[in-house]
């Protein structure tokens, strides 16, 4: 999946990059996308972007064990039209976290961070409502929910796939994100701790890490 001049952008990162243009809780933009660029297609295509084995650690506060098969970190430069853009403030970092087991679309988490970001400081995000029909494939629709810091410098998404019971079937009511490693070079690790409390009382408290890769291309659409 290629969008607006990106040379080879991870599909989930493109999906969430477009979602950032929406207001709080505004994930229903996907319904207006062309058939070959809907959320299900993005989730299905995430496997093509895999670059490394995932690194996942469940922390003591967690009651949910989420074991993704793909963890990927990607930087989109704030500089347009440069093949190998330097690292700079305003760059957008994405971490895609996907469990690709079972039929697609899959359960997935996504964290986006706009640099500069403070390392080691937990940040509580403002939770937006769960959208039961956040995205669809064919006649089926699936839920999604996001949380953000108000400036969209930090955003967290949970896309519920075909089997959301493998993570949680309900809404979350609090999200805290901590950036533990913010890379300044390709290949360096991006490490993020996500603490997500769901309304049923379950908690996802896991740390994900992946080596960073940069996308060098024109600026994204919009």
C-alpha atoms as a PDB file:
ATOM      1  CA  UNK A   1       0.000   0.000   0.000  1.00  0.00           C
ATOM      2  CA  UNK A   2       1.516   3.309  -1.101  1.00  0.00           C
ATOM      3  CA  UNK A   3      -0.011   6.672  -0.268  1.00  0.00           C
ATOM      4  CA  UNK A   4       0.917  10.192  -1.400  1.00  0.00           C
ATOM      5  CA  UNK A   5       4.450   9.524  -2.557  1.00  0.00           C
ATOM      6  CA  UNK A   6       5.630   7.283   0.284  1.00  0.00           C
ATOM      7  CA  UNK A   7       8.244   4.913  -1.096  1.00  0.00           C
ATOM      8  CA  UNK A   8       7.382   1.942   1.151  1.00  0.00           C
ATOM      9  CA  UNK A   9       5.509   3.025   4.219  1.00  0.00           C
ATOM     10  CA  UNK A  10       4.186   0.529   6.778  1.00  0.00           C
ATOM     11  CA  UNK A  11       0.462   0.166   6.191  1.00  0.00           C
ATOM     12  CA  UNK A  12      -0.669   0.710   9.779  1.00  0.00           C
ATOM     13  CA  UNK A  13       1.493   3.800  10.078  1.00  0.00           C
ATOM     14  CA  UNK A  14      -0.183   5.240   6.994  1.00  0.00           C
ATOM     15  CA  UNK A  15      -3.592   4.423   8.399  1.00  0.00           C
ATOM     16  CA  UNK A  16      -2.878   6.200  11.671  1.00  0.00           C
ATOM     17  CA  UNK A  17      -1.087   9.093   9.968  1.00  0.00           C
ATOM     18  CA  UNK A  18      -4.320   9.819   8.130  1.00  0.00           C
ATOM     19  CA  UNK A  19      -6.356   9.323  11.300  1.00  0.00           C
ATOM     20  CA  UNK A  20      -4.359  12.076  12.998  1.00  0.00           C
ATOM     21  CA  UNK A  21      -6.111  14.572  10.742  1.00  0.00           C
ATOM     22  CA  UNK A  22      -9.426  13.725  12.437  1.00  0.00           C
ATOM     23  CA  UNK A  23     -10.764  15.211  15.625  1.00  0.00           C
ATOM     24  CA  UNK A  24     -10.906  13.316  18.933  1.00  0.00           C
ATOM     25  CA  UNK A  25     -12.394   9.888  18.399  1.00  0.00           C
ATOM     26  CA  UNK A  26     -12.588  10.522  14.667  1.00  0.00           C
ATOM     27  CA  UNK A  27     -11.726   7.165  13.181  1.00  0.00           C
ATOM     28  CA  UNK A  28     -14.762   6.888  10.909  1.00  0.00           C
ATOM     29  CA  UNK A  29     -12.781   8.639   8.148  1.00  0.00           C
ATOM     30  CA  UNK A  30     -11.867   5.129   7.006  1.00  0.00           C
ATOM     31  CA  UNK A  31     -15.346   4.572   5.597  1.00  0.00           C
ATOM     32  CA  UNK A  32     -14.604   7.143   2.879  1.00  0.00           C
ATOM     33  CA  UNK A  33     -11.287   5.603   1.824  1.00  0.00           C
ATOM     34  CA  UNK A  34     -10.954   3.654  -1.461  1.00  0.00           C
ATOM     35  CA  UNK A  35     -11.497  -0.071  -1.149  1.00  0.00           C
ATOM     36  CA  UNK A  36      -7.801  -0.871  -1.544  1.00  0.00           C
ATOM     37  CA  UNK A  37      -6.838   1.541   1.250  1.00  0.00           C
ATOM     38  CA  UNK A  38      -9.334   0.687   3.995  1.00  0.00           C
ATOM     39  CA  UNK A  39      -8.290  -0.275   7.497  1.00  0.00           C
ATOM     40  CA  UNK A  40      -8.687  -3.997   6.929  1.00  0.00           C
ATOM     41  CA  UNK A  41      -6.357  -3.797   3.956  1.00  0.00           C
ATOM     42  CA  UNK A  42      -3.878  -1.857   6.061  1.00  0.00           C
ATOM     43  CA  UNK A  43      -3.979  -4.474   8.785  1.00  0.00           C
ATOM     44  CA  UNK A  44      -3.686  -7.285   6.252  1.00  0.00           C
ATOM     45  CA  UNK A  45      -0.674  -5.599   4.662  1.00  0.00           C
ATOM     46  CA  UNK A  46       1.227  -5.010   7.862  1.00  0.00           C
ATOM     47  CA  UNK A  47       3.037  -8.325   7.496  1.00  0.00           C
ATOM     48  CA  UNK A  48       4.806  -7.023   4.408  1.00  0.00           C
ATOM     49  CA  UNK A  49       6.462  -4.297   6.482  1.00  0.00           C
ATOM     50  CA  UNK A  50       8.001  -6.583   9.098  1.00  0.00           C
ATOM     51  CA  UNK A  51      11.684  -5.854   9.600  1.00  0.00           C
ATOM     52  CA  UNK A  52      12.583  -7.556  12.888  1.00  0.00           C
ATOM     53  CA  UNK A  53      11.373  -9.948  15.535  1.00  0.00           C
ATOM     54  CA  UNK A  54       9.143  -8.224  18.085  1.00  0.00           C
ATOM     55  CA  UNK A  55      10.403  -7.369  21.555  1.00  0.00           C
ATOM     56  CA  UNK A  56       7.642  -7.503  24.147  1.00  0.00           C
ATOM     57  CA  UNK A  57       7.760  -7.491  27.940  1.00  0.00           C
ATOM     58  CA  UNK A  58       4.772  -7.864  30.240  1.00  0.00           C
ATOM     59  CA  UNK A  59       5.133  -5.656  33.309  1.00  0.00           C
ATOM     60  CA  UNK A  60       4.005  -6.616  36.856  1.00  0.00           C
ATOM     61  CA  UNK A  61       0.927  -4.364  36.713  1.00  0.00           C
ATOM     62  CA  UNK A  62      -0.609  -6.152  33.742  1.00  0.00           C
ATOM     63  CA  UNK A  63      -3.389  -8.729  33.711  1.00  0.00           C
ATOM     64  CA  UNK A  64      -3.592  -9.042  29.903  1.00  0.00           C
ATOM     65  CA  UNK A  65      -0.878 -10.966  28.069  1.00  0.00           C
ATOM     66  CA  UNK A  66      -0.726  -9.576  24.523  1.00  0.00           C
ATOM     67  CA  UNK A  67       1.843 -11.301  22.322  1.00  0.00           C
ATOM     68  CA  UNK A  68       2.201  -9.511  18.984  1.00  0.00           C
ATOM     69  CA  UNK A  69       3.961 -11.127  16.062  1.00  0.00           C
ATOM     70  CA  UNK A  70       4.982  -7.762  14.623  1.00  0.00           C
ATOM     71  CA  UNK A  71       6.475  -4.745  16.394  1.00  0.00           C
ATOM     72  CA  UNK A  72       7.765  -2.068  14.054  1.00  0.00           C
ATOM     73  CA  UNK A  73       9.053   1.495  14.565  1.00  0.00           C
ATOM     74  CA  UNK A  74       9.088   3.984  11.695  1.00  0.00           C
ATOM     75  CA  UNK A  75      10.044   7.664  11.401  1.00  0.00           C
ATOM     76  CA  UNK A  76       8.391  10.024   8.928  1.00  0.00           C
ATOM     77  CA  UNK A  77      10.540  13.094   8.407  1.00  0.00           C
ATOM     78  CA  UNK A  78       9.255  16.632   8.815  1.00  0.00           C
ATOM     79  CA  UNK A  79      11.445  17.570   5.806  1.00  0.00           C
ATOM     80  CA  UNK A  80       9.887  17.245   2.354  1.00  0.00           C
ATOM     81  CA  UNK A  81      11.573  16.090  -0.832  1.00  0.00           C
ATOM     82  CA  UNK A  82      14.822  14.839   0.699  1.00  0.00           C
ATOM     83  CA  UNK A  83      15.864  11.237   0.083  1.00  0.00           C
ATOM     84  CA  UNK A  84      17.751  10.846   3.383  1.00  0.00           C
ATOM     85  CA  UNK A  85      16.334  13.562   5.630  1.00  0.00           C
ATOM     86  CA  UNK A  86      18.130  14.435   8.867  1.00  0.00           C
ATOM     87  CA  UNK A  87      16.514  13.793  12.219  1.00  0.00           C
ATOM     88  CA  UNK A  88      14.737  16.951  13.361  1.00  0.00           C
ATOM     89  CA  UNK A  89      12.026  18.287  15.628  1.00  0.00           C
ATOM     90  CA  UNK A  90       8.628  17.670  14.088  1.00  0.00           C
ATOM     91  CA  UNK A  91       9.460  14.183  12.816  1.00  0.00           C
ATOM     92  CA  UNK A  92       6.664  11.693  13.488  1.00  0.00           C
ATOM     93  CA  UNK A  93       7.518   8.317  15.006  1.00  0.00           C
ATOM     94  CA  UNK A  94       5.110   5.382  14.749  1.00  0.00           C
ATOM     95  CA  UNK A  95       5.158   2.078  16.572  1.00  0.00           C
ATOM     96  CA  UNK A  96       2.902  -0.595  15.086  1.00  0.00           C
ATOM     97  CA  UNK A  97       2.090  -3.568  17.339  1.00  0.00           C
ATOM     98  CA  UNK A  98       0.107  -6.355  15.655  1.00  0.00           C
ATOM     99  CA  UNK A  99      -0.978  -9.893  16.536  1.00  0.00           C
ATOM    100  CA  UNK A 100      -1.125 -11.547  13.120  1.00  0.00           C
ATOM    101  CA  UNK A 101      -2.373 -14.931  14.335  1.00  0.00           C
ATOM    102  CA  UNK A 102      -5.788 -16.078  13.154  1.00  0.00           C
ATOM    103  CA  UNK A 103      -7.895 -14.535  10.404  1.00  0.00           C
ATOM    104  CA  UNK A 104      -7.410 -10.885   9.453  1.00  0.00           C
ATOM    105  CA  UNK A 105      -8.069  -8.155  10.329  1.00  0.00           C
ATOM    106  CA  UNK A 106      -5.922  -8.540  13.420  1.00  0.00           C
ATOM    107  CA  UNK A 107      -5.887  -6.878  16.808  1.00  0.00           C
ATOM    108  CA  UNK A 108      -3.397  -4.027  16.746  1.00  0.00           C
ATOM    109  CA  UNK A 109      -2.059  -1.170  18.806  1.00  0.00           C
ATOM    110  CA  UNK A 110      -0.371   1.940  17.486  1.00  0.00           C
ATOM    111  CA  UNK A 111       1.547   4.719  19.182  1.00  0.00           C
ATOM    112  CA  UNK A 112       2.507   7.938  17.406  1.00  0.00           C
ATOM    113  CA  UNK A 113       4.946  10.474  18.839  1.00  0.00           C
ATOM    114  CA  UNK A 114       6.029  13.805  17.386  1.00  0.00           C
ATOM    115  CA  UNK A 115       9.578  14.781  18.332  1.00  0.00           C
ATOM    116  CA  UNK A 116      10.925  16.104  20.553  1.00  0.00           C
ATOM    117  CA  UNK A 117       9.578  13.831  23.264  1.00  0.00           C
ATOM    118  CA  UNK A 118      10.565  13.579  26.905  1.00  0.00           C
ATOM    119  CA  UNK A 119      12.096  10.200  27.684  1.00  0.00           C
ATOM    120  CA  UNK A 120      11.097   8.429  30.892  1.00  0.00           C
ATOM    121  CA  UNK A 121       8.096  10.623  31.774  1.00  0.00           C
ATOM    122  CA  UNK A 122       4.708   8.851  31.931  1.00  0.00           C
ATOM    123  CA  UNK A 123       2.052  10.766  29.992  1.00  0.00           C
ATOM    124  CA  UNK A 124      -1.655  10.226  30.671  1.00  0.00           C
ATOM    125  CA  UNK A 125      -3.713  10.646  27.507  1.00  0.00           C
ATOM    126  CA  UNK A 126      -7.291  11.868  27.090  1.00  0.00           C
ATOM    127  CA  UNK A 127      -9.470   8.895  26.198  1.00  0.00           C
ATOM    128  CA  UNK A 128     -11.922   9.192  23.297  1.00  0.00           C
ATOM    129  CA  UNK A 129     -15.093   7.087  22.953  1.00  0.00           C
ATOM    130  CA  UNK A 130     -15.008   3.577  21.536  1.00  0.00           C
ATOM    131  CA  UNK A 131     -16.360   3.557  17.972  1.00  0.00           C
ATOM    132  CA  UNK A 132     -18.160   0.244  17.290  1.00  0.00           C
ATOM    133  CA  UNK A 133     -17.876   0.754  13.516  1.00  0.00           C
ATOM    134  CA  UNK A 134     -14.449   2.346  13.288  1.00  0.00           C
ATOM    135  CA  UNK A 135     -13.507   0.416  10.156  1.00  0.00           C
ATOM    136  CA  UNK A 136     -14.909  -2.305   7.963  1.00  0.00           C
ATOM    137  CA  UNK A 137     -14.170  -4.988   5.421  1.00  0.00           C
ATOM    138  CA  UNK A 138     -16.945  -6.260   3.190  1.00  0.00           C
ATOM    139  CA  UNK A 139     -20.122  -6.485   5.235  1.00  0.00           C
ATOM    140  CA  UNK A 140     -18.275  -6.721   8.574  1.00  0.00           C
ATOM    141  CA  UNK A 141     -17.329  -3.781  10.784  1.00  0.00           C
ATOM    142  CA  UNK A 142     -14.865  -3.579  13.657  1.00  0.00           C
ATOM    143  CA  UNK A 143     -14.343  -1.351  16.671  1.00  0.00           C
ATOM    144  CA  UNK A 144     -11.552   1.095  17.354  1.00  0.00           C
ATOM    145  CA  UNK A 145     -10.618   3.618  20.026  1.00  0.00           C
ATOM    146  CA  UNK A 146      -7.935   6.234  20.533  1.00  0.00           C
ATOM    147  CA  UNK A 147      -6.460   8.480  23.208  1.00  0.00           C
ATOM    148  CA  UNK A 148      -4.340  11.588  22.728  1.00  0.00           C
ATOM    149  CA  UNK A 149      -2.629  14.426  24.553  1.00  0.00           C
ATOM    150  CA  UNK A 150      -4.709  17.236  23.047  1.00  0.00           C
ATOM    151  CA  UNK A 151      -1.999  18.454  20.685  1.00  0.00           C
ATOM    152  CA  UNK A 152      -1.760  15.139  18.779  1.00  0.00           C
ATOM    153  CA  UNK A 153       1.940  14.981  19.626  1.00  0.00           C
ATOM    154  CA  UNK A 154       1.089  11.697  21.364  1.00  0.00           C
ATOM    155  CA  UNK A 155      -1.682   9.397  20.164  1.00  0.00           C
ATOM    156  CA  UNK A 156      -2.559   5.797  21.021  1.00  0.00           C
ATOM    157  CA  UNK A 157      -4.917   3.561  19.024  1.00  0.00           C
ATOM    158  CA  UNK A 158      -6.478   0.153  19.655  1.00  0.00           C
ATOM    159  CA  UNK A 159      -7.990  -1.474  16.560  1.00  0.00           C
ATOM    160  CA  UNK A 160     -10.111  -4.501  17.457  1.00  0.00           C
ATOM    161  CA  UNK A 161      -9.731  -7.293  14.942  1.00  0.00           C
ATOM    162  CA  UNK A 162     -11.610 -10.487  14.188  1.00  0.00           C
ATOM    163  CA  UNK A 163     -10.930 -11.907  17.665  1.00  0.00           C
ATOM    164  CA  UNK A 164     -10.761  -8.987  20.133  1.00  0.00           C
ATOM    165  CA  UNK A 165     -11.109 -11.392  23.060  1.00  0.00           C
ATOM    166  CA  UNK A 166      -7.386 -12.127  22.614  1.00  0.00           C
ATOM    167  CA  UNK A 167      -6.781  -8.616  23.982  1.00  0.00           C
ATOM    168  CA  UNK A 168     -10.024  -7.062  25.270  1.00  0.00           C
ATOM    169  CA  UNK A 169     -13.488  -6.802  23.726  1.00  0.00           C
ATOM    170  CA  UNK A 170     -14.479  -3.590  25.504  1.00  0.00           C
ATOM    171  CA  UNK A 171     -13.481   0.042  25.773  1.00  0.00           C
ATOM    172  CA  UNK A 172     -10.518   1.366  27.725  1.00  0.00           C
ATOM    173  CA  UNK A 173     -10.924   4.204  30.219  1.00  0.00           C
ATOM    174  CA  UNK A 174      -7.311   5.259  30.804  1.00  0.00           C
ATOM    175  CA  UNK A 175      -4.053   5.204  28.853  1.00  0.00           C
ATOM    176  CA  UNK A 176      -0.562   6.140  30.017  1.00  0.00           C
ATOM    177  CA  UNK A 177       2.348   6.052  27.577  1.00  0.00           C
ATOM    178  CA  UNK A 178       6.015   6.260  28.560  1.00  0.00           C
ATOM    179  CA  UNK A 179       8.751   6.694  25.952  1.00  0.00           C
ATOM    180  CA  UNK A 180      11.745   4.753  27.289  1.00  0.00           C
ATOM    181  CA  UNK A 181      13.992   5.037  24.204  1.00  0.00           C
ATOM    182  CA  UNK A 182      13.633   7.745  21.550  1.00  0.00           C
ATOM    183  CA  UNK A 183      16.066   6.912  18.726  1.00  0.00           C
ATOM    184  CA  UNK A 184      18.103   9.503  16.878  1.00  0.00           C
ATOM    185  CA  UNK A 185      19.441   7.108  14.236  1.00  0.00           C
ATOM    186  CA  UNK A 186      18.081   4.271  12.140  1.00  0.00           C
ATOM    187  CA  UNK A 187      18.628   0.902  13.762  1.00  0.00           C
ATOM    188  CA  UNK A 188      18.493   2.324  17.295  1.00  0.00           C
ATOM    189  CA  UNK A 189      15.621   1.037  19.430  1.00  0.00           C
ATOM    190  CA  UNK A 190      12.357   2.828  19.981  1.00  0.00           C
ATOM    191  CA  UNK A 191      10.934   1.554  23.256  1.00  0.00           C
ATOM    192  CA  UNK A 192       7.465   2.366  24.566  1.00  0.00           C
ATOM    193  CA  UNK A 193       5.598   1.300  27.696  1.00  0.00           C
ATOM    194  CA  UNK A 194       1.810   1.270  27.354  1.00  0.00           C
ATOM    195  CA  UNK A 195      -0.466   1.075  30.399  1.00  0.00           C
ATOM    196  CA  UNK A 196      -4.075   0.647  29.316  1.00  0.00           C
ATOM    197  CA  UNK A 197      -6.939   0.099  31.759  1.00  0.00           C
ATOM    198  CA  UNK A 198     -10.178  -1.332  30.363  1.00  0.00           C
ATOM    199  CA  UNK A 199     -13.679  -0.806  31.736  1.00  0.00           C
ATOM    200  CA  UNK A 200     -13.944  -4.494  32.672  1.00  0.00           C
ATOM    201  CA  UNK A 201     -11.028  -4.020  35.097  1.00  0.00           C
ATOM    202  CA  UNK A 202      -8.350  -5.692  32.975  1.00  0.00           C
ATOM    203  CA  UNK A 203      -5.017  -3.917  32.415  1.00  0.00           C
ATOM    204  CA  UNK A 204      -2.552  -4.084  29.566  1.00  0.00           C
ATOM    205  CA  UNK A 205       0.872  -3.078  30.902  1.00  0.00           C
ATOM    206  CA  UNK A 206       3.544  -4.029  28.405  1.00  0.00           C
ATOM    207  CA  UNK A 207       6.784  -2.614  27.015  1.00  0.00           C
ATOM    208  CA  UNK A 208       7.423  -2.874  23.275  1.00  0.00           C
ATOM    209  CA  UNK A 209      10.690  -2.203  21.453  1.00  0.00           C
ATOM    210  CA  UNK A 210      11.822  -2.273  17.823  1.00  0.00           C
ATOM    211  CA  UNK A 211      14.722  -0.873  15.787  1.00  0.00           C
ATOM    212  CA  UNK A 212      13.838   2.330  13.972  1.00  0.00           C
ATOM    213  CA  UNK A 213      13.662   2.684  10.207  1.00  0.00           C
ATOM    214  CA  UNK A 214      13.103   5.975   8.370  1.00  0.00           C
ATOM    215  CA  UNK A 215      10.893   6.604   5.369  1.00  0.00           C
ATOM    216  CA  UNK A 216      12.496   9.033   2.918  1.00  0.00           C
ATOM    217  CA  UNK A 217       9.937  10.478   0.561  1.00  0.00           C
ATOM    218  CA  UNK A 218       7.650  13.410  -0.096  1.00  0.00           C
ATOM    219  CA  UNK A 219       5.421  14.729   2.647  1.00  0.00           C
ATOM    220  CA  UNK A 220       2.180  12.879   3.477  1.00  0.00           C
ATOM    221  CA  UNK A 221      -1.100  13.973   2.000  1.00  0.00           C
ATOM    222  CA  UNK A 222      -3.211  16.514   3.799  1.00  0.00           C
END
